[in-house]
Amino acid sequence: SKDLLFRGELLETIIRIFFETSKYMDAIKTAEYLFKIEPFYSNNPVIHAKVVTAYERIAQPDRAFVSRDGMTDAYVKDGPWYAYNHRNQKAIDQARGLMKDALLQTGLFYFEQATSLRDRSLQLEDVNDQQALMNKAKYNYAKAAKSYNRYLDRYKYDKNTYELWYLYAETLFYSENYKKSL
């Protein structure tokens, strides 16, 4: 409806102004309000990507990755946003590209965290400390595997598929999910 479009455009403009003037928390709060009152606004995926960037710029990488991870579920093909916007090819294409990037970035983040924890654990002499770090590493490998699996399920024929199958198997192996890694 026109009301939806007007409110969405108005809030998007406010978010852009906050973002451009480095008022990132204001941009985030306004975006969250937009997502709440206009969950089907066609530019929500683009705005959601700005929220991720805003968290990164205010040095909150954990919140950025939580937001990025939420983004990968919010605009899926079978979801309500997609159903509402299915005739808007530009919005669908933008969402698809942003979700692909978000899944790759999320997987990479957890993979790097896990590898760092695993490497640090191998340098420890205390077996209990070593096991504690290995458990954290396994958890992060499992999170990376989840992101890679979601990517592979959604984008089977993408150019990144070959490399991601390898990374997926590696994350499954290090998370001790041996059967799936074969």
N, C-alpha and C. Protein backbone atom coordinates (compact mmCIF):
# COMPACT_ATOMS: atom_id res chain seq x y z
N SER A 1 0.83 -1.18 0.00
CA SER A 1 0.00 0.00 0.00
C SER A 1 0.88 1.25 0.00
N LYS A 2 0.27 2.38 -0.33
CA LYS A 2 1.03 3.63 -0.36
C LYS A 2 1.52 4.03 1.02
N ASP A 3 0.70 3.71 2.04
CA ASP A 3 1.09 4.02 3.41
C ASP A 3 2.36 3.26 3.80
N LEU A 4 2.40 2.00 3.44
CA LEU A 4 3.58 1.17 3.70
C LEU A 4 4.79 1.77 3.01
N LEU A 5 4.64 2.11 1.74
CA LEU A 5 5.74 2.67 0.98
C LEU A 5 6.21 3.99 1.57
N PHE A 6 5.27 4.86 1.92
CA PHE A 6 5.63 6.17 2.48
C PHE A 6 6.38 6.02 3.79
N ARG A 7 5.83 5.22 4.73
CA ARG A 7 6.50 5.06 6.04
C ARG A 7 7.87 4.41 5.86
N GLY A 8 7.94 3.43 4.99
CA GLY A 8 9.21 2.77 4.74
C GLY A 8 10.24 3.72 4.16
N GLU A 9 9.83 4.49 3.16
CA GLU A 9 10.76 5.45 2.54
C GLU A 9 11.19 6.53 3.52
N LEU A 10 10.25 7.02 4.32
CA LEU A 10 10.57 8.04 5.31
C LEU A 10 11.59 7.51 6.32
N LEU A 11 11.32 6.35 6.88
CA LEU A 11 12.25 5.78 7.86
C LEU A 11 13.59 5.43 7.22
N GLU A 12 13.56 4.95 5.99
CA GLU A 12 14.82 4.65 5.29
C GLU A 12 15.65 5.92 5.12
N THR A 13 15.02 7.02 4.81
CA THR A 13 15.73 8.30 4.67
C THR A 13 16.34 8.73 6.00
N ILE A 14 15.59 8.58 7.07
CA ILE A 14 16.10 8.93 8.40
C ILE A 14 17.29 8.04 8.75
N ILE A 15 17.18 6.75 8.46
CA ILE A 15 18.28 5.82 8.73
C ILE A 15 19.52 6.23 7.93
N ARG A 16 19.32 6.56 6.67
CA ARG A 16 20.46 6.97 5.83
C ARG A 16 21.13 8.22 6.39
N ILE A 17 20.34 9.18 6.85
CA ILE A 17 20.90 10.41 7.43
C ILE A 17 21.69 10.08 8.69
N PHE A 18 21.12 9.27 9.57
CA PHE A 18 21.84 8.87 10.78
C PHE A 18 23.14 8.15 10.41
N PHE A 19 23.07 7.28 9.44
CA PHE A 19 24.24 6.51 9.03
C PHE A 19 25.32 7.43 8.46
N GLU A 20 24.92 8.33 7.59
CA GLU A 20 25.88 9.24 6.95
C GLU A 20 26.49 10.24 7.93
N THR A 21 25.81 10.51 9.03
CA THR A 21 26.34 11.44 10.03
C THR A 21 26.96 10.69 11.22
N SER A 22 27.22 9.41 11.01
CA SER A 22 27.89 8.55 12.01
C SER A 22 27.11 8.40 13.31
N LYS A 23 25.81 8.55 13.25
CA LYS A 23 24.95 8.31 14.41
C LYS A 23 24.42 6.88 14.28
N TYR A 24 25.35 5.94 14.46
CA TYR A 24 25.06 4.54 14.15
C TYR A 24 24.02 3.91 15.06
N MET A 25 24.06 4.21 16.35
CA MET A 25 23.05 3.63 17.25
C MET A 25 21.66 4.14 16.91
N ASP A 26 21.57 5.41 16.53
CA ASP A 26 20.28 5.95 16.12
C ASP A 26 19.79 5.27 14.83
N ALA A 27 20.73 5.01 13.91
CA ALA A 27 20.38 4.31 12.68
C ALA A 27 19.88 2.90 13.00
N ILE A 28 20.56 2.22 13.91
CA ILE A 28 20.19 0.86 14.29
C ILE A 28 18.81 0.85 14.93
N LYS A 29 18.58 1.74 15.88
CA LYS A 29 17.29 1.78 16.57
C LYS A 29 16.15 2.11 15.60
N THR A 30 16.40 3.02 14.68
CA THR A 30 15.37 3.37 13.70
C THR A 30 15.10 2.20 12.76
N ALA A 31 16.15 1.51 12.36
CA ALA A 31 15.98 0.34 11.50
C ALA A 31 15.19 -0.75 12.21
N GLU A 32 15.50 -0.99 13.47
CA GLU A 32 14.76 -2.00 14.23
C GLU A 32 13.28 -1.62 14.34
N TYR A 33 13.01 -0.34 14.50
CA TYR A 33 11.63 0.13 14.52
C TYR A 33 10.96 -0.12 13.16
N LEU A 34 11.69 0.19 12.08
CA LEU A 34 11.16 -0.05 10.74
C LEU A 34 10.84 -1.54 10.55
N PHE A 35 11.75 -2.42 10.95
CA PHE A 35 11.52 -3.86 10.79
C PHE A 35 10.29 -4.31 11.56
N LYS A 36 10.04 -3.65 12.69
CA LYS A 36 8.90 -4.01 13.52
C LYS A 36 7.58 -3.55 12.90
N ILE A 37 7.53 -2.30 12.43
CA ILE A 37 6.26 -1.78 11.93
C ILE A 37 6.03 -2.04 10.44
N GLU A 38 7.10 -2.28 9.69
CA GLU A 38 6.99 -2.53 8.25
C GLU A 38 7.86 -3.73 7.87
N PRO A 39 7.52 -4.92 8.35
CA PRO A 39 8.39 -6.09 8.11
C PRO A 39 8.48 -6.49 6.64
N PHE A 40 7.59 -5.99 5.79
CA PHE A 40 7.59 -6.39 4.39
C PHE A 40 8.12 -5.29 3.47
N TYR A 41 8.62 -4.21 4.03
CA TYR A 41 9.15 -3.12 3.21
C TYR A 41 10.25 -3.68 2.30
N SER A 42 10.17 -3.37 1.03
CA SER A 42 11.04 -4.01 0.03
C SER A 42 12.53 -3.76 0.25
N ASN A 43 12.91 -2.65 0.84
CA ASN A 43 14.33 -2.36 1.05
C ASN A 43 14.86 -2.81 2.41
N ASN A 44 14.07 -3.57 3.16
CA ASN A 44 14.54 -4.05 4.46
C ASN A 44 15.86 -4.82 4.39
N PRO A 45 16.08 -5.67 3.38
CA PRO A 45 17.37 -6.37 3.34
C PRO A 45 18.56 -5.41 3.22
N VAL A 46 18.40 -4.37 2.41
CA VAL A 46 19.48 -3.38 2.25
C VAL A 46 19.70 -2.63 3.57
N ILE A 47 18.62 -2.28 4.22
CA ILE A 47 18.71 -1.58 5.51
C ILE A 47 19.31 -2.51 6.56
N HIS A 48 18.94 -3.77 6.52
CA HIS A 48 19.49 -4.75 7.46
C HIS A 48 21.01 -4.84 7.28
N ALA A 49 21.47 -4.80 6.05
CA ALA A 49 22.91 -4.82 5.79
C ALA A 49 23.58 -3.57 6.39
N LYS A 50 22.89 -2.44 6.34
CA LYS A 50 23.43 -1.22 6.96
C LYS A 50 23.53 -1.37 8.48
N VAL A 51 22.58 -2.08 9.07
CA VAL A 51 22.63 -2.33 10.52
C VAL A 51 23.88 -3.13 10.86
N VAL A 52 24.17 -4.13 10.06
CA VAL A 52 25.39 -4.92 10.28
C VAL A 52 26.62 -4.03 10.20
N THR A 53 26.67 -3.20 9.17
CA THR A 53 27.80 -2.28 9.00
C THR A 53 27.89 -1.30 10.17
N ALA A 54 26.75 -0.82 10.63
CA ALA A 54 26.74 0.13 11.75
C ALA A 54 27.34 -0.53 12.99
N TYR A 55 26.94 -1.76 13.28
CA TYR A 55 27.52 -2.47 14.43
C TYR A 55 29.03 -2.63 14.27
N GLU A 56 29.47 -2.91 13.06
CA GLU A 56 30.91 -3.05 12.83
C GLU A 56 31.63 -1.72 13.07
N ARG A 57 31.01 -0.63 12.66
CA ARG A 57 31.65 0.68 12.80
C ARG A 57 31.70 1.17 14.25
N ILE A 58 30.81 0.66 15.09
CA ILE A 58 30.87 1.04 16.51
C ILE A 58 31.56 -0.05 17.33
N ALA A 59 32.32 -0.87 16.64
CA ALA A 59 33.16 -1.90 17.26
C ALA A 59 32.35 -2.88 18.11
N GLN A 60 31.26 -3.36 17.55
CA GLN A 60 30.46 -4.40 18.19
C GLN A 60 30.31 -5.58 17.22
N PRO A 61 31.44 -6.29 16.97
CA PRO A 61 31.41 -7.36 15.98
C PRO A 61 30.46 -8.50 16.33
N ASP A 62 30.31 -8.79 17.61
CA ASP A 62 29.40 -9.88 17.99
C ASP A 62 27.96 -9.54 17.63
N ARG A 63 27.57 -8.29 17.89
CA ARG A 63 26.21 -7.88 17.53
C ARG A 63 26.04 -7.81 16.01
N ALA A 64 27.12 -7.44 15.32
CA ALA A 64 27.07 -7.42 13.85
C ALA A 64 26.81 -8.82 13.32
N PHE A 65 27.48 -9.80 13.91
CA PHE A 65 27.29 -11.16 13.40
C PHE A 65 25.95 -11.75 13.81
N VAL A 66 25.44 -11.37 14.96
CA VAL A 66 24.09 -11.80 15.33
C VAL A 66 23.09 -11.20 14.35
N SER A 67 23.26 -9.94 14.02
CA SER A 67 22.37 -9.28 13.08
C SER A 67 22.51 -9.90 11.68
N ARG A 68 23.75 -10.17 11.28
CA ARG A 68 23.98 -10.79 9.98
C ARG A 68 23.33 -12.18 9.92
N ASP A 69 23.47 -12.92 11.01
CA ASP A 69 22.87 -14.26 11.06
C ASP A 69 21.35 -14.17 10.99
N GLY A 70 20.76 -13.20 11.67
CA GLY A 70 19.32 -12.99 11.61
C GLY A 70 18.86 -12.61 10.22
N MET A 71 19.71 -11.89 9.52
CA MET A 71 19.40 -11.47 8.16
C MET A 71 19.25 -12.67 7.23
N THR A 72 20.04 -13.72 7.48
CA THR A 72 20.00 -14.88 6.59
C THR A 72 18.69 -15.65 6.72
N ASP A 73 17.95 -15.43 7.80
CA ASP A 73 16.66 -16.08 7.97
C ASP A 73 15.48 -15.16 7.63
N ALA A 74 15.68 -13.88 7.72
CA ALA A 74 14.56 -12.94 7.58
C ALA A 74 14.02 -12.82 6.15
N TYR A 75 14.86 -13.09 5.16
CA TYR A 75 14.46 -12.82 3.78
C TYR A 75 14.54 -14.07 2.90
N VAL A 76 14.38 -15.23 3.50
CA VAL A 76 14.47 -16.50 2.77
C VAL A 76 13.33 -16.67 1.79
N LYS A 77 13.55 -17.53 0.81
CA LYS A 77 12.58 -17.73 -0.26
C LYS A 77 11.20 -18.14 0.24
N ASP A 78 11.12 -18.96 1.25
CA ASP A 78 9.82 -19.42 1.74
C ASP A 78 9.26 -18.56 2.87
N GLY A 79 9.92 -17.45 3.15
CA GLY A 79 9.51 -16.63 4.28
C GLY A 79 8.47 -15.58 3.91
N PRO A 80 7.91 -14.92 4.92
CA PRO A 80 6.85 -13.93 4.69
C PRO A 80 7.32 -12.70 3.90
N TRP A 81 8.55 -12.23 4.14
CA TRP A 81 9.03 -11.07 3.39
C TRP A 81 9.09 -11.40 1.90
N TYR A 82 9.64 -12.56 1.59
CA TYR A 82 9.76 -12.99 0.20
C TYR A 82 8.38 -13.13 -0.44
N ALA A 83 7.46 -13.75 0.28
CA ALA A 83 6.11 -13.95 -0.26
C ALA A 83 5.46 -12.60 -0.60
N TYR A 84 5.66 -11.62 0.26
CA TYR A 84 5.06 -10.31 0.03
C TYR A 84 5.72 -9.60 -1.16
N ASN A 85 7.03 -9.78 -1.31
CA ASN A 85 7.79 -9.05 -2.33
C ASN A 85 8.14 -9.89 -3.56
N HIS A 86 7.53 -11.03 -3.73
CA HIS A 86 7.93 -11.96 -4.79
C HIS A 86 7.83 -11.39 -6.21
N ARG A 87 7.04 -10.38 -6.40
CA ARG A 87 6.92 -9.76 -7.72
C ARG A 87 7.93 -8.63 -7.94
N ASN A 88 8.64 -8.27 -6.90
CA ASN A 88 9.63 -7.19 -6.98
C ASN A 88 11.01 -7.82 -7.19
N GLN A 89 11.36 -8.04 -8.46
CA GLN A 89 12.59 -8.77 -8.78
C GLN A 89 13.84 -8.05 -8.27
N LYS A 90 13.83 -6.74 -8.32
CA LYS A 90 15.00 -5.99 -7.83
C LYS A 90 15.20 -6.26 -6.33
N ALA A 91 14.14 -6.22 -5.55
CA ALA A 91 14.24 -6.47 -4.10
C ALA A 91 14.67 -7.91 -3.84
N ILE A 92 14.11 -8.85 -4.58
CA ILE A 92 14.47 -10.26 -4.41
C ILE A 92 15.94 -10.49 -4.73
N ASP A 93 16.41 -9.91 -5.84
CA ASP A 93 17.82 -10.05 -6.23
C ASP A 93 18.75 -9.43 -5.20
N GLN A 94 18.38 -8.25 -4.69
CA GLN A 94 19.20 -7.61 -3.65
C GLN A 94 19.25 -8.48 -2.40
N ALA A 95 18.11 -8.97 -1.98
CA ALA A 95 18.05 -9.81 -0.78
C ALA A 95 18.89 -11.06 -0.96
N ARG A 96 18.78 -11.69 -2.12
CA ARG A 96 19.54 -12.91 -2.39
C ARG A 96 21.05 -12.63 -2.30
N GLY A 97 21.50 -11.57 -2.92
CA GLY A 97 22.92 -11.22 -2.88
C GLY A 97 23.40 -10.92 -1.47
N LEU A 98 22.60 -10.18 -0.73
CA LEU A 98 22.98 -9.83 0.65
C LEU A 98 22.97 -11.07 1.55
N MET A 99 22.01 -11.97 1.35
CA MET A 99 21.97 -13.19 2.17
C MET A 99 23.14 -14.10 1.85
N LYS A 100 23.49 -14.21 0.58
CA LYS A 100 24.65 -15.03 0.21
C LYS A 100 25.90 -14.51 0.91
N ASP A 101 26.09 -13.20 0.84
CA ASP A 101 27.24 -12.59 1.48
C ASP A 101 27.19 -12.79 3.00
N ALA A 102 26.02 -12.63 3.58
CA ALA A 102 25.89 -12.79 5.03
C ALA A 102 26.21 -14.22 5.47
N LEU A 103 25.74 -15.20 4.73
CA LEU A 103 26.04 -16.60 5.08
C LEU A 103 27.54 -16.88 4.96
N LEU A 104 28.16 -16.38 3.90
CA LEU A 104 29.61 -16.57 3.75
C LEU A 104 30.38 -15.88 4.87
N GLN A 105 30.01 -14.64 5.17
CA GLN A 105 30.70 -13.89 6.22
C GLN A 105 30.52 -14.54 7.59
N THR A 106 29.32 -15.00 7.87
CA THR A 106 29.05 -15.65 9.16
C THR A 106 29.86 -16.94 9.28
N GLY A 107 29.84 -17.74 8.22
CA GLY A 107 30.63 -18.97 8.24
C GLY A 107 32.11 -18.68 8.42
N LEU A 108 32.61 -17.71 7.70
CA LEU A 108 34.03 -17.35 7.80
C LEU A 108 34.38 -16.84 9.19
N PHE A 109 33.52 -16.02 9.76
CA PHE A 109 33.76 -15.50 11.11
C PHE A 109 33.91 -16.64 12.11
N TYR A 110 32.93 -17.55 12.12
CA TYR A 110 32.99 -18.66 13.07
C TYR A 110 34.16 -19.60 12.77
N PHE A 111 34.47 -19.79 11.50
CA PHE A 111 35.59 -20.65 11.13
C PHE A 111 36.91 -20.05 11.65
N GLU A 112 37.10 -18.76 11.46
CA GLU A 112 38.32 -18.11 11.94
C GLU A 112 38.41 -18.13 13.47
N GLN A 113 37.28 -17.89 14.13
CA GLN A 113 37.26 -17.95 15.59
C GLN A 113 37.65 -19.35 16.07
N ALA A 114 37.06 -20.36 15.45
CA ALA A 114 37.30 -21.75 15.83
C ALA A 114 38.76 -22.13 15.59
N THR A 115 39.30 -21.76 14.46
CA THR A 115 40.69 -22.10 14.14
C THR A 115 41.65 -21.43 15.11
N SER A 116 41.37 -20.20 15.46
CA SER A 116 42.20 -19.48 16.44
C SER A 116 42.15 -20.18 17.80
N LEU A 117 40.96 -20.55 18.23
CA LEU A 117 40.82 -21.25 19.52
C LEU A 117 41.53 -22.60 19.50
N ARG A 118 41.40 -23.32 18.40
CA ARG A 118 42.05 -24.63 18.28
C ARG A 118 43.57 -24.47 18.32
N ASP A 119 44.09 -23.50 17.59
CA ASP A 119 45.53 -23.26 17.58
C ASP A 119 46.04 -22.88 18.97
N ARG A 120 45.29 -22.01 19.66
CA ARG A 120 45.70 -21.61 21.01
C ARG A 120 45.65 -22.80 21.97
N SER A 121 44.65 -23.66 21.82
CA SER A 121 44.53 -24.81 22.72
C SER A 121 45.73 -25.75 22.57
N LEU A 122 46.26 -25.87 21.37
CA LEU A 122 47.40 -26.76 21.13
C LEU A 122 48.68 -26.25 21.77
N GLN A 123 48.70 -24.98 22.13
CA GLN A 123 49.88 -24.40 22.77
C GLN A 123 49.84 -24.49 24.29
N LEU A 124 48.69 -24.88 24.83
CA LEU A 124 48.54 -24.96 26.28
C LEU A 124 49.07 -26.29 26.82
N GLU A 125 49.60 -26.23 28.03
CA GLU A 125 50.10 -27.46 28.66
C GLU A 125 49.05 -28.11 29.54
N ASP A 126 48.22 -27.29 30.18
CA ASP A 126 47.19 -27.83 31.06
C ASP A 126 46.09 -28.50 30.23
N VAL A 127 45.85 -29.76 30.49
CA VAL A 127 44.88 -30.54 29.72
C VAL A 127 43.47 -29.99 29.87
N ASN A 128 43.11 -29.54 31.05
CA ASN A 128 41.76 -29.00 31.27
C ASN A 128 41.55 -27.69 30.50
N ASP A 129 42.57 -26.83 30.52
CA ASP A 129 42.48 -25.58 29.76
C ASP A 129 42.43 -25.87 28.26
N GLN A 130 43.23 -26.84 27.85
CA GLN A 130 43.26 -27.23 26.45
C GLN A 130 41.88 -27.75 26.00
N GLN A 131 41.28 -28.58 26.83
CA GLN A 131 39.96 -29.14 26.50
C GLN A 131 38.88 -28.06 26.47
N ALA A 132 38.97 -27.11 27.39
CA ALA A 132 37.99 -26.02 27.43
C ALA A 132 38.03 -25.21 26.13
N LEU A 133 39.25 -24.89 25.65
CA LEU A 133 39.36 -24.15 24.40
C LEU A 133 38.92 -24.99 23.20
N MET A 134 39.24 -26.27 23.24
CA MET A 134 38.82 -27.16 22.15
C MET A 134 37.30 -27.25 22.09
N ASN A 135 36.65 -27.27 23.24
CA ASN A 135 35.18 -27.29 23.25
C ASN A 135 34.59 -26.02 22.64
N LYS A 136 35.20 -24.87 22.94
CA LYS A 136 34.76 -23.61 22.33
C LYS A 136 35.00 -23.64 20.83
N ALA A 137 36.15 -24.19 20.44
CA ALA A 137 36.46 -24.29 19.01
C ALA A 137 35.45 -25.19 18.31
N LYS A 138 35.11 -26.33 18.91
CA LYS A 138 34.13 -27.24 18.31
C LYS A 138 32.78 -26.54 18.14
N TYR A 139 32.38 -25.76 19.13
CA TYR A 139 31.13 -25.02 19.05
C TYR A 139 31.15 -24.05 17.86
N ASN A 140 32.26 -23.32 17.71
CA ASN A 140 32.37 -22.37 16.61
C ASN A 140 32.47 -23.07 15.25
N TYR A 141 33.14 -24.21 15.21
CA TYR A 141 33.16 -24.98 13.96
C TYR A 141 31.75 -25.43 13.60
N ALA A 142 30.97 -25.84 14.59
CA ALA A 142 29.59 -26.25 14.33
C ALA A 142 28.76 -25.08 13.81
N LYS A 143 28.98 -23.87 14.36
CA LYS A 143 28.26 -22.68 13.87
C LYS A 143 28.67 -22.36 12.43
N ALA A 144 29.97 -22.49 12.13
CA ALA A 144 30.44 -22.26 10.76
C ALA A 144 29.80 -23.29 9.82
N ALA A 145 29.77 -24.54 10.26
CA ALA A 145 29.18 -25.60 9.45
C ALA A 145 27.71 -25.30 9.16
N LYS A 146 27.00 -24.79 10.14
CA LYS A 146 25.59 -24.45 9.95
C LYS A 146 25.43 -23.38 8.86
N SER A 147 26.28 -22.35 8.90
CA SER A 147 26.20 -21.30 7.88
C SER A 147 26.55 -21.84 6.50
N TYR A 148 27.60 -22.63 6.42
CA TYR A 148 27.99 -23.20 5.13
C TYR A 148 26.90 -24.12 4.59
N ASN A 149 26.30 -24.92 5.47
CA ASN A 149 25.24 -25.83 5.06
C ASN A 149 24.03 -25.04 4.52
N ARG A 150 23.67 -23.98 5.21
CA ARG A 150 22.54 -23.17 4.76
C ARG A 150 22.84 -22.56 3.38
N TYR A 151 24.08 -22.10 3.20
CA TYR A 151 24.48 -21.55 1.90
C TYR A 151 24.36 -22.62 0.82
N LEU A 152 24.92 -23.79 1.10
CA LEU A 152 24.91 -24.87 0.11
C LEU A 152 23.50 -25.35 -0.20
N ASP A 153 22.62 -25.35 0.80
CA ASP A 153 21.23 -25.72 0.56
C ASP A 153 20.52 -24.72 -0.34
N ARG A 154 20.80 -23.45 -0.14
CA ARG A 154 20.09 -22.40 -0.87
C ARG A 154 20.69 -22.09 -2.24
N TYR A 155 22.00 -22.26 -2.36
CA TYR A 155 22.69 -21.83 -3.59
C TYR A 155 23.55 -22.96 -4.15
N LYS A 156 22.91 -24.07 -4.44
CA LYS A 156 23.59 -25.30 -4.88
C LYS A 156 24.49 -25.11 -6.10
N TYR A 157 24.12 -24.22 -6.98
CA TYR A 157 24.82 -24.08 -8.25
C TYR A 157 25.64 -22.79 -8.33
N ASP A 158 25.96 -22.24 -7.21
CA ASP A 158 26.72 -21.00 -7.16
C ASP A 158 28.20 -21.27 -7.44
N LYS A 159 28.92 -20.23 -7.85
CA LYS A 159 30.35 -20.38 -8.17
C LYS A 159 31.19 -20.74 -6.95
N ASN A 160 30.72 -20.43 -5.73
CA ASN A 160 31.48 -20.73 -4.52
C ASN A 160 31.24 -22.14 -3.98
N THR A 161 30.39 -22.89 -4.64
CA THR A 161 29.96 -24.19 -4.09
C THR A 161 31.10 -25.16 -3.86
N TYR A 162 32.01 -25.29 -4.82
CA TYR A 162 33.09 -26.26 -4.69
C TYR A 162 33.93 -25.99 -3.45
N GLU A 163 34.38 -24.76 -3.29
CA GLU A 163 35.21 -24.39 -2.13
C GLU A 163 34.42 -24.55 -0.83
N LEU A 164 33.14 -24.22 -0.85
CA LEU A 164 32.34 -24.31 0.36
C LEU A 164 32.10 -25.76 0.79
N TRP A 165 32.00 -26.68 -0.17
CA TRP A 165 31.86 -28.09 0.21
C TRP A 165 33.09 -28.53 1.00
N TYR A 166 34.25 -28.08 0.57
CA TYR A 166 35.48 -28.41 1.29
C TYR A 166 35.47 -27.81 2.69
N LEU A 167 35.15 -26.53 2.78
CA LEU A 167 35.11 -25.86 4.09
C LEU A 167 34.04 -26.47 4.99
N TYR A 168 32.92 -26.81 4.40
CA TYR A 168 31.85 -27.45 5.16
C TYR A 168 32.32 -28.78 5.75
N ALA A 169 32.96 -29.59 4.93
CA ALA A 169 33.48 -30.88 5.42
C ALA A 169 34.52 -30.65 6.52
N GLU A 170 35.36 -29.66 6.35
CA GLU A 170 36.39 -29.37 7.36
C GLU A 170 35.76 -28.93 8.69
N THR A 171 34.75 -28.09 8.60
CA THR A 171 34.10 -27.64 9.84
C THR A 171 33.37 -28.79 10.52
N LEU A 172 32.77 -29.66 9.73
CA LEU A 172 32.11 -30.83 10.32
C LEU A 172 33.13 -31.74 10.99
N PHE A 173 34.26 -31.94 10.35
CA PHE A 173 35.31 -32.78 10.93
C PHE A 173 35.79 -32.22 12.26
N TYR A 174 36.13 -30.94 12.28
CA TYR A 174 36.65 -30.34 13.51
C TYR A 174 35.59 -30.16 14.59
N SER A 175 34.33 -30.17 14.19
CA SER A 175 33.27 -30.12 15.20
C SER A 175 32.90 -31.54 15.65
N GLU A 176 33.66 -32.50 15.14
CA GLU A 176 33.52 -33.93 15.48
C GLU A 176 32.20 -34.51 15.00
N ASN A 177 31.70 -33.98 13.92
CA ASN A 177 30.51 -34.53 13.25
C ASN A 177 31.02 -35.36 12.08
N TYR A 178 31.70 -36.45 12.41
CA TYR A 178 32.46 -37.22 11.42
C TYR A 178 31.59 -37.83 10.33
N LYS A 179 30.43 -38.34 10.66
CA LYS A 179 29.59 -38.99 9.65
C LYS A 179 29.19 -38.01 8.54
N LYS A 180 28.81 -36.81 8.91
CA LYS A 180 28.41 -35.83 7.92
C LYS A 180 29.59 -35.31 7.12
N SER A 181 30.81 -35.35 7.70
CA SER A 181 31.97 -34.77 7.03
C SER A 181 32.49 -35.66 5.90
N LEU A 182 32.04 -36.90 5.83
CA LEU A 182 32.54 -37.81 4.78
C LEU A 182 31.81 -37.65 3.48
